[in-house]
């Protein structure tokens, strides 16, 4: 399948998301570049969006729809380590580096207690973020100060920012986002229901791209003259 096919399938099931088609494609281009450049993705959100941050991370850190064999280089290096290395090379999968900032309970509570909850994500962006990385900020309201602070910090570090939000007014920090996927709803639960199929489609598109590139990189068998 191609990225167009994945998008067409998404729009078939959720025709109201056609208004997001262009921004979804722009998000895809930013995210697929992460794998090419050796950078990483940071994801954050509150409440249900925190679960989405974890969910998105899990889909990219291992196979989602397709098999993702390790590169030949990694397989060869593991094989040199003996039987256990060979076992690992046959089971481990290629991963896209994603970190859910919502998942680090000790860090979240330490920052919240010692500095303030509004800095819980921004402090982690300082720790993990580098120029060229991408921050995905998931916020149904667009008004969460800890999300806004993370966006500001990411831009200061030279990161790209993708925001998933709803059609609500008063989004703070939107002028610092490179891509805003704004789904057509103001209801929190409905916004979250739209976010899930969008990031599932993005995961499928990204995975399809890296698997195809891996196929190209595989050494060709020598043919007899």
C-alpha atoms as a PDB file:
ATOM      1  CA  UNK A   1       0.000   0.000   0.000  1.00  0.00           C
ATOM      2  CA  UNK A   2       1.070   3.596  -0.574  1.00  0.00           C
ATOM      3  CA  UNK A   3       0.629   6.626   1.649  1.00  0.00           C
ATOM      4  CA  UNK A   4      -2.196   7.721  -0.670  1.00  0.00           C
ATOM      5  CA  UNK A   5      -3.916   4.354  -0.202  1.00  0.00           C
ATOM      6  CA  UNK A   6      -3.687   4.590   3.576  1.00  0.00           C
ATOM      7  CA  UNK A   7      -5.087   8.118   3.472  1.00  0.00           C
ATOM      8  CA  UNK A   8      -7.877   7.148   1.092  1.00  0.00           C
ATOM      9  CA  UNK A   9      -8.838   4.324   3.441  1.00  0.00           C
ATOM     10  CA  UNK A  10      -8.870   6.730   6.391  1.00  0.00           C
ATOM     11  CA  UNK A  11     -11.065   9.196   4.497  1.00  0.00           C
ATOM     12  CA  UNK A  12     -13.416   6.418   3.388  1.00  0.00           C
ATOM     13  CA  UNK A  13     -14.142   5.475   7.000  1.00  0.00           C
ATOM     14  CA  UNK A  14     -13.988   9.051   8.324  1.00  0.00           C
ATOM     15  CA  UNK A  15     -15.003  11.364   5.442  1.00  0.00           C
ATOM     16  CA  UNK A  16     -15.237  14.312   7.822  1.00  0.00           C
ATOM     17  CA  UNK A  17     -11.440  14.097   8.234  1.00  0.00           C
ATOM     18  CA  UNK A  18     -10.884  15.189   4.632  1.00  0.00           C
ATOM     19  CA  UNK A  19     -10.291  18.671   6.045  1.00  0.00           C
ATOM     20  CA  UNK A  20      -7.154  17.248   7.718  1.00  0.00           C
ATOM     21  CA  UNK A  21      -5.718  15.465   4.681  1.00  0.00           C
ATOM     22  CA  UNK A  22      -3.088  18.091   3.849  1.00  0.00           C
ATOM     23  CA  UNK A  23      -1.865  18.464   7.420  1.00  0.00           C
ATOM     24  CA  UNK A  24      -1.702  14.684   7.886  1.00  0.00           C
ATOM     25  CA  UNK A  25       0.532  14.468   4.821  1.00  0.00           C
ATOM     26  CA  UNK A  26       2.742  17.255   6.146  1.00  0.00           C
ATOM     27  CA  UNK A  27       3.032  15.454   9.484  1.00  0.00           C
ATOM     28  CA  UNK A  28       3.983  12.268   7.649  1.00  0.00           C
ATOM     29  CA  UNK A  29       6.785  14.023   5.769  1.00  0.00           C
ATOM     30  CA  UNK A  30       8.236  15.371   9.023  1.00  0.00           C
ATOM     31  CA  UNK A  31       7.982  12.045  10.835  1.00  0.00           C
ATOM     32  CA  UNK A  32       9.368   9.844   8.069  1.00  0.00           C
ATOM     33  CA  UNK A  33      12.393  12.134   7.894  1.00  0.00           C
ATOM     34  CA  UNK A  34      13.184  11.302  11.534  1.00  0.00           C
ATOM     35  CA  UNK A  35      14.104   7.753  10.571  1.00  0.00           C
ATOM     36  CA  UNK A  36      16.340   8.967   7.749  1.00  0.00           C
ATOM     37  CA  UNK A  37      18.278  11.474   9.846  1.00  0.00           C
ATOM     38  CA  UNK A  38      18.759   9.431  13.006  1.00  0.00           C
ATOM     39  CA  UNK A  39      16.627  11.779  15.082  1.00  0.00           C
ATOM     40  CA  UNK A  40      13.752  10.866  17.406  1.00  0.00           C
ATOM     41  CA  UNK A  41      10.152  11.669  18.236  1.00  0.00           C
ATOM     42  CA  UNK A  42       8.895  12.913  21.610  1.00  0.00           C
ATOM     43  CA  UNK A  43       5.170  12.675  22.389  1.00  0.00           C
ATOM     44  CA  UNK A  44       3.140  14.244  25.198  1.00  0.00           C
ATOM     45  CA  UNK A  45      -0.473  14.631  26.274  1.00  0.00           C
ATOM     46  CA  UNK A  46      -2.706  14.854  29.347  1.00  0.00           C
ATOM     47  CA  UNK A  47      -5.421  12.416  30.451  1.00  0.00           C
ATOM     48  CA  UNK A  48      -6.774  10.449  27.504  1.00  0.00           C
ATOM     49  CA  UNK A  49      -4.199  12.142  25.288  1.00  0.00           C
ATOM     50  CA  UNK A  50      -1.515  10.752  27.594  1.00  0.00           C
ATOM     51  CA  UNK A  51      -2.788   7.284  26.690  1.00  0.00           C
ATOM     52  CA  UNK A  52      -2.650   8.272  23.027  1.00  0.00           C
ATOM     53  CA  UNK A  53       0.981   9.339  23.491  1.00  0.00           C
ATOM     54  CA  UNK A  54       1.811   5.901  24.911  1.00  0.00           C
ATOM     55  CA  UNK A  55      -0.228   4.162  22.205  1.00  0.00           C
ATOM     56  CA  UNK A  56       1.471   6.052  19.367  1.00  0.00           C
ATOM     57  CA  UNK A  57       4.879   5.261  20.868  1.00  0.00           C
ATOM     58  CA  UNK A  58       4.154   1.539  21.089  1.00  0.00           C
ATOM     59  CA  UNK A  59       3.030   1.324  17.453  1.00  0.00           C
ATOM     60  CA  UNK A  60       6.317   2.756  16.160  1.00  0.00           C
ATOM     61  CA  UNK A  61       8.738   1.049  18.544  1.00  0.00           C
ATOM     62  CA  UNK A  62       7.849  -2.365  17.092  1.00  0.00           C
ATOM     63  CA  UNK A  63       5.991  -3.759  14.102  1.00  0.00           C
ATOM     64  CA  UNK A  64       2.528  -2.314  13.560  1.00  0.00           C
ATOM     65  CA  UNK A  65       1.133  -3.947  10.411  1.00  0.00           C
ATOM     66  CA  UNK A  66       4.217  -5.238   8.596  1.00  0.00           C
ATOM     67  CA  UNK A  67       7.278  -7.238   9.565  1.00  0.00           C
ATOM     68  CA  UNK A  68      10.280  -5.044  10.324  1.00  0.00           C
ATOM     69  CA  UNK A  69      13.426  -7.180  10.239  1.00  0.00           C
ATOM     70  CA  UNK A  70      16.609  -5.687  11.625  1.00  0.00           C
ATOM     71  CA  UNK A  71      19.128  -4.250   9.188  1.00  0.00           C
ATOM     72  CA  UNK A  72      21.692  -6.682   7.799  1.00  0.00           C
ATOM     73  CA  UNK A  73      24.431  -4.821   9.665  1.00  0.00           C
ATOM     74  CA  UNK A  74      22.769  -5.307  13.057  1.00  0.00           C
ATOM     75  CA  UNK A  75      21.924  -8.928  12.243  1.00  0.00           C
ATOM     76  CA  UNK A  76      25.545  -9.643  11.335  1.00  0.00           C
ATOM     77  CA  UNK A  77      26.836  -8.013  14.498  1.00  0.00           C
ATOM     78  CA  UNK A  78      24.409  -9.996  16.645  1.00  0.00           C
ATOM     79  CA  UNK A  79      25.330 -13.230  14.856  1.00  0.00           C
ATOM     80  CA  UNK A  80      28.969 -12.699  15.816  1.00  0.00           C
ATOM     81  CA  UNK A  81      27.934 -12.876  19.487  1.00  0.00           C
ATOM     82  CA  UNK A  82      26.991 -16.513  19.212  1.00  0.00           C
ATOM     83  CA  UNK A  83      23.809 -18.521  19.620  1.00  0.00           C
ATOM     84  CA  UNK A  84      21.986 -15.966  21.765  1.00  0.00           C
ATOM     85  CA  UNK A  85      22.899 -13.206  19.315  1.00  0.00           C
ATOM     86  CA  UNK A  86      21.437 -15.224  16.445  1.00  0.00           C
ATOM     87  CA  UNK A  87      18.287 -15.818  18.510  1.00  0.00           C
ATOM     88  CA  UNK A  88      17.965 -12.068  19.084  1.00  0.00           C
ATOM     89  CA  UNK A  89      18.556 -11.257  15.417  1.00  0.00           C
ATOM     90  CA  UNK A  90      15.666 -13.545  14.471  1.00  0.00           C
ATOM     91  CA  UNK A  91      13.189 -11.945  16.875  1.00  0.00           C
ATOM     92  CA  UNK A  92      14.056  -8.272  17.351  1.00  0.00           C
ATOM     93  CA  UNK A  93      12.504  -5.737  14.990  1.00  0.00           C
ATOM     94  CA  UNK A  94      13.510  -2.440  13.498  1.00  0.00           C
ATOM     95  CA  UNK A  95      12.231   0.416  15.682  1.00  0.00           C
ATOM     96  CA  UNK A  96      11.518   4.068  15.104  1.00  0.00           C
ATOM     97  CA  UNK A  97      12.831   5.962  18.158  1.00  0.00           C
ATOM     98  CA  UNK A  98       9.853   7.433  20.014  1.00  0.00           C
ATOM     99  CA  UNK A  99       9.653   8.522  23.659  1.00  0.00           C
ATOM    100  CA  UNK A 100       6.349   9.119  25.436  1.00  0.00           C
ATOM    101  CA  UNK A 101       6.961  11.927  27.918  1.00  0.00           C
ATOM    102  CA  UNK A 102       3.752  10.966  29.697  1.00  0.00           C
ATOM    103  CA  UNK A 103       5.127   7.556  30.695  1.00  0.00           C
ATOM    104  CA  UNK A 104       7.879   8.626  33.099  1.00  0.00           C
ATOM    105  CA  UNK A 105       6.059   8.714  36.417  1.00  0.00           C
ATOM    106  CA  UNK A 106       9.062   9.464  38.631  1.00  0.00           C
ATOM    107  CA  UNK A 107      10.250  12.325  36.428  1.00  0.00           C
ATOM    108  CA  UNK A 108       6.738  13.715  35.973  1.00  0.00           C
ATOM    109  CA  UNK A 109       6.036  13.758  39.707  1.00  0.00           C
ATOM    110  CA  UNK A 110       9.495  15.059  40.628  1.00  0.00           C
ATOM    111  CA  UNK A 111       9.215  18.002  38.248  1.00  0.00           C
ATOM    112  CA  UNK A 112       5.605  18.641  39.264  1.00  0.00           C
ATOM    113  CA  UNK A 113       6.468  18.605  42.960  1.00  0.00           C
ATOM    114  CA  UNK A 114       9.757  20.508  42.845  1.00  0.00           C
ATOM    115  CA  UNK A 115       9.200  22.961  39.996  1.00  0.00           C
ATOM    116  CA  UNK A 116       5.566  22.852  38.909  1.00  0.00           C
ATOM    117  CA  UNK A 117       3.267  20.663  36.833  1.00  0.00           C
ATOM    118  CA  UNK A 118       3.298  23.208  34.032  1.00  0.00           C
ATOM    119  CA  UNK A 119       6.949  22.268  33.417  1.00  0.00           C
ATOM    120  CA  UNK A 120       6.493  18.474  33.520  1.00  0.00           C
ATOM    121  CA  UNK A 121       6.877  18.007  29.753  1.00  0.00           C
ATOM    122  CA  UNK A 122       9.124  20.982  28.996  1.00  0.00           C
ATOM    123  CA  UNK A 123      11.776  19.718  31.414  1.00  0.00           C
ATOM    124  CA  UNK A 124      11.820  16.373  29.619  1.00  0.00           C
ATOM    125  CA  UNK A 125      12.092  18.125  26.257  1.00  0.00           C
ATOM    126  CA  UNK A 126      15.226  19.821  27.612  1.00  0.00           C
ATOM    127  CA  UNK A 127      16.584  16.423  28.635  1.00  0.00           C
ATOM    128  CA  UNK A 128      15.723  14.419  25.535  1.00  0.00           C
ATOM    129  CA  UNK A 129      15.295  16.935  22.741  1.00  0.00           C
ATOM    130  CA  UNK A 130      17.848  17.870  20.111  1.00  0.00           C
ATOM    131  CA  UNK A 131      17.791  19.893  16.932  1.00  0.00           C
ATOM    132  CA  UNK A 132      16.051  17.906  14.202  1.00  0.00           C
ATOM    133  CA  UNK A 133      13.886  15.902  16.593  1.00  0.00           C
ATOM    134  CA  UNK A 134      10.081  16.129  16.425  1.00  0.00           C
ATOM    135  CA  UNK A 135       7.679  16.863  19.279  1.00  0.00           C
ATOM    136  CA  UNK A 136       4.119  15.592  18.914  1.00  0.00           C
ATOM    137  CA  UNK A 137       1.848  17.522  21.273  1.00  0.00           C
ATOM    138  CA  UNK A 138      -1.616  16.030  21.750  1.00  0.00           C
ATOM    139  CA  UNK A 139      -4.122  18.432  23.292  1.00  0.00           C
ATOM    140  CA  UNK A 140      -7.887  18.395  22.796  1.00  0.00           C
ATOM    141  CA  UNK A 141      -8.318  21.949  24.116  1.00  0.00           C
ATOM    142  CA  UNK A 142      -5.084  23.545  22.955  1.00  0.00           C
ATOM    143  CA  UNK A 143      -4.939  25.396  26.260  1.00  0.00           C
ATOM    144  CA  UNK A 144      -2.923  23.082  28.521  1.00  0.00           C
ATOM    145  CA  UNK A 145      -0.004  25.118  29.857  1.00  0.00           C
ATOM    146  CA  UNK A 146       2.278  22.093  30.238  1.00  0.00           C
ATOM    147  CA  UNK A 147       1.748  21.306  26.547  1.00  0.00           C
ATOM    148  CA  UNK A 148       2.313  24.924  25.525  1.00  0.00           C
ATOM    149  CA  UNK A 149       5.525  25.060  27.545  1.00  0.00           C
ATOM    150  CA  UNK A 150       6.740  21.882  25.845  1.00  0.00           C
ATOM    151  CA  UNK A 151       6.036  23.424  22.424  1.00  0.00           C
ATOM    152  CA  UNK A 152       7.949  26.614  23.260  1.00  0.00           C
ATOM    153  CA  UNK A 153      10.891  24.626  24.595  1.00  0.00           C
ATOM    154  CA  UNK A 154      10.989  22.343  21.558  1.00  0.00           C
ATOM    155  CA  UNK A 155      11.140  25.290  19.176  1.00  0.00           C
ATOM    156  CA  UNK A 156      13.926  26.880  21.226  1.00  0.00           C
ATOM    157  CA  UNK A 157      15.930  23.661  20.783  1.00  0.00           C
ATOM    158  CA  UNK A 158      15.430  23.619  17.009  1.00  0.00           C
ATOM    159  CA  UNK A 159      12.878  20.830  16.982  1.00  0.00           C
ATOM    160  CA  UNK A 160       9.877  20.467  14.683  1.00  0.00           C
ATOM    161  CA  UNK A 161       6.445  20.463  16.330  1.00  0.00           C
ATOM    162  CA  UNK A 162       3.299  18.602  15.277  1.00  0.00           C
ATOM    163  CA  UNK A 163       0.115  19.239  17.235  1.00  0.00           C
ATOM    164  CA  UNK A 164      -3.027  17.111  17.363  1.00  0.00           C
ATOM    165  CA  UNK A 165      -5.969  19.167  18.578  1.00  0.00           C
ATOM    166  CA  UNK A 166      -9.639  19.925  18.010  1.00  0.00           C
ATOM    167  CA  UNK A 167     -11.593  22.723  16.394  1.00  0.00           C
ATOM    168  CA  UNK A 168     -11.557  24.757  19.593  1.00  0.00           C
ATOM    169  CA  UNK A 169     -10.679  28.431  19.866  1.00  0.00           C
ATOM    170  CA  UNK A 170      -7.835  29.952  21.830  1.00  0.00           C
ATOM    171  CA  UNK A 171      -5.080  27.452  21.032  1.00  0.00           C
ATOM    172  CA  UNK A 172      -1.969  28.753  22.762  1.00  0.00           C
ATOM    173  CA  UNK A 173       1.321  28.149  21.009  1.00  0.00           C
ATOM    174  CA  UNK A 174      -0.114  27.426  17.567  1.00  0.00           C
ATOM    175  CA  UNK A 175       2.294  29.896  15.916  1.00  0.00           C
ATOM    176  CA  UNK A 176       5.192  27.701  17.083  1.00  0.00           C
ATOM    177  CA  UNK A 177       3.771  24.520  15.523  1.00  0.00           C
ATOM    178  CA  UNK A 178       5.031  23.372  12.132  1.00  0.00           C
ATOM    179  CA  UNK A 179       1.910  21.258  11.568  1.00  0.00           C
ATOM    180  CA  UNK A 180      -1.472  21.413  13.310  1.00  0.00           C
ATOM    181  CA  UNK A 181      -3.869  18.511  12.742  1.00  0.00           C
ATOM    182  CA  UNK A 182      -7.127  20.126  13.790  1.00  0.00           C
ATOM    183  CA  UNK A 183      -9.996  17.625  13.763  1.00  0.00           C
ATOM    184  CA  UNK A 184     -13.568  18.882  13.161  1.00  0.00           C
ATOM    185  CA  UNK A 185     -14.995  18.713  16.681  1.00  0.00           C
ATOM    186  CA  UNK A 186     -15.057  20.665  19.933  1.00  0.00           C
ATOM    187  CA  UNK A 187     -16.131  17.703  22.084  1.00  0.00           C
ATOM    188  CA  UNK A 188     -13.202  16.201  23.999  1.00  0.00           C
ATOM    189  CA  UNK A 189     -14.228  12.562  23.555  1.00  0.00           C
ATOM    190  CA  UNK A 190     -14.939  13.042  19.850  1.00  0.00           C
ATOM    191  CA  UNK A 191     -11.602  14.773  19.286  1.00  0.00           C
ATOM    192  CA  UNK A 192      -9.848  11.815  20.887  1.00  0.00           C
ATOM    193  CA  UNK A 193     -11.838   9.384  18.745  1.00  0.00           C
ATOM    194  CA  UNK A 194     -10.621  11.211  15.635  1.00  0.00           C
ATOM    195  CA  UNK A 195      -7.014  11.387  16.796  1.00  0.00           C
ATOM    196  CA  UNK A 196      -6.652   7.605  17.072  1.00  0.00           C
ATOM    197  CA  UNK A 197      -7.381   6.650  13.433  1.00  0.00           C
ATOM    198  CA  UNK A 198      -5.188   9.535  12.273  1.00  0.00           C
ATOM    199  CA  UNK A 199      -2.122   8.439  14.180  1.00  0.00           C
ATOM    200  CA  UNK A 200      -2.801   4.821  13.259  1.00  0.00           C
ATOM    201  CA  UNK A 201      -2.741   5.866   9.604  1.00  0.00           C
ATOM    202  CA  UNK A 202       0.470   7.820  10.158  1.00  0.00           C
ATOM    203  CA  UNK A 203       2.072   4.772  11.788  1.00  0.00           C
ATOM    204  CA  UNK A 204       1.048   2.592   8.850  1.00  0.00           C
ATOM    205  CA  UNK A 205       2.385   5.102   6.318  1.00  0.00           C
ATOM    206  CA  UNK A 206       5.700   5.543   8.139  1.00  0.00           C
ATOM    207  CA  UNK A 207       6.170   1.812   8.610  1.00  0.00           C
ATOM    208  CA  UNK A 208       5.396   1.123   4.958  1.00  0.00           C
ATOM    209  CA  UNK A 209       8.042   3.640   3.946  1.00  0.00           C
ATOM    210  CA  UNK A 210      10.827   2.247   6.144  1.00  0.00           C
ATOM    211  CA  UNK A 211      10.046  -1.356   5.189  1.00  0.00           C
ATOM    212  CA  UNK A 212      10.257  -0.480   1.484  1.00  0.00           C
ATOM    213  CA  UNK A 213      13.543   1.343   2.041  1.00  0.00           C
ATOM    214  CA  UNK A 214      14.879  -1.685   3.928  1.00  0.00           C
ATOM    215  CA  UNK A 215      13.980  -3.890   0.957  1.00  0.00           C
ATOM    216  CA  UNK A 216      15.941  -1.609  -1.359  1.00  0.00           C
ATOM    217  CA  UNK A 217      18.977  -1.749   0.914  1.00  0.00           C
ATOM    218  CA  UNK A 218      19.054  -5.570   0.992  1.00  0.00           C
ATOM    219  CA  UNK A 219      22.045  -6.939  -0.940  1.00  0.00           C
ATOM    220  CA  UNK A 220      21.097  -8.518  -4.231  1.00  0.00           C
ATOM    221  CA  UNK A 221      22.021 -12.130  -4.919  1.00  0.00           C
ATOM    222  CA  UNK A 222      24.818 -12.548  -7.415  1.00  0.00           C
ATOM    223  CA  UNK A 223      23.750 -14.010 -10.722  1.00  0.00           C
ATOM    224  CA  UNK A 224      25.839 -16.307 -12.848  1.00  0.00           C
ATOM    225  CA  UNK A 225      27.153 -14.992 -16.123  1.00  0.00           C
END
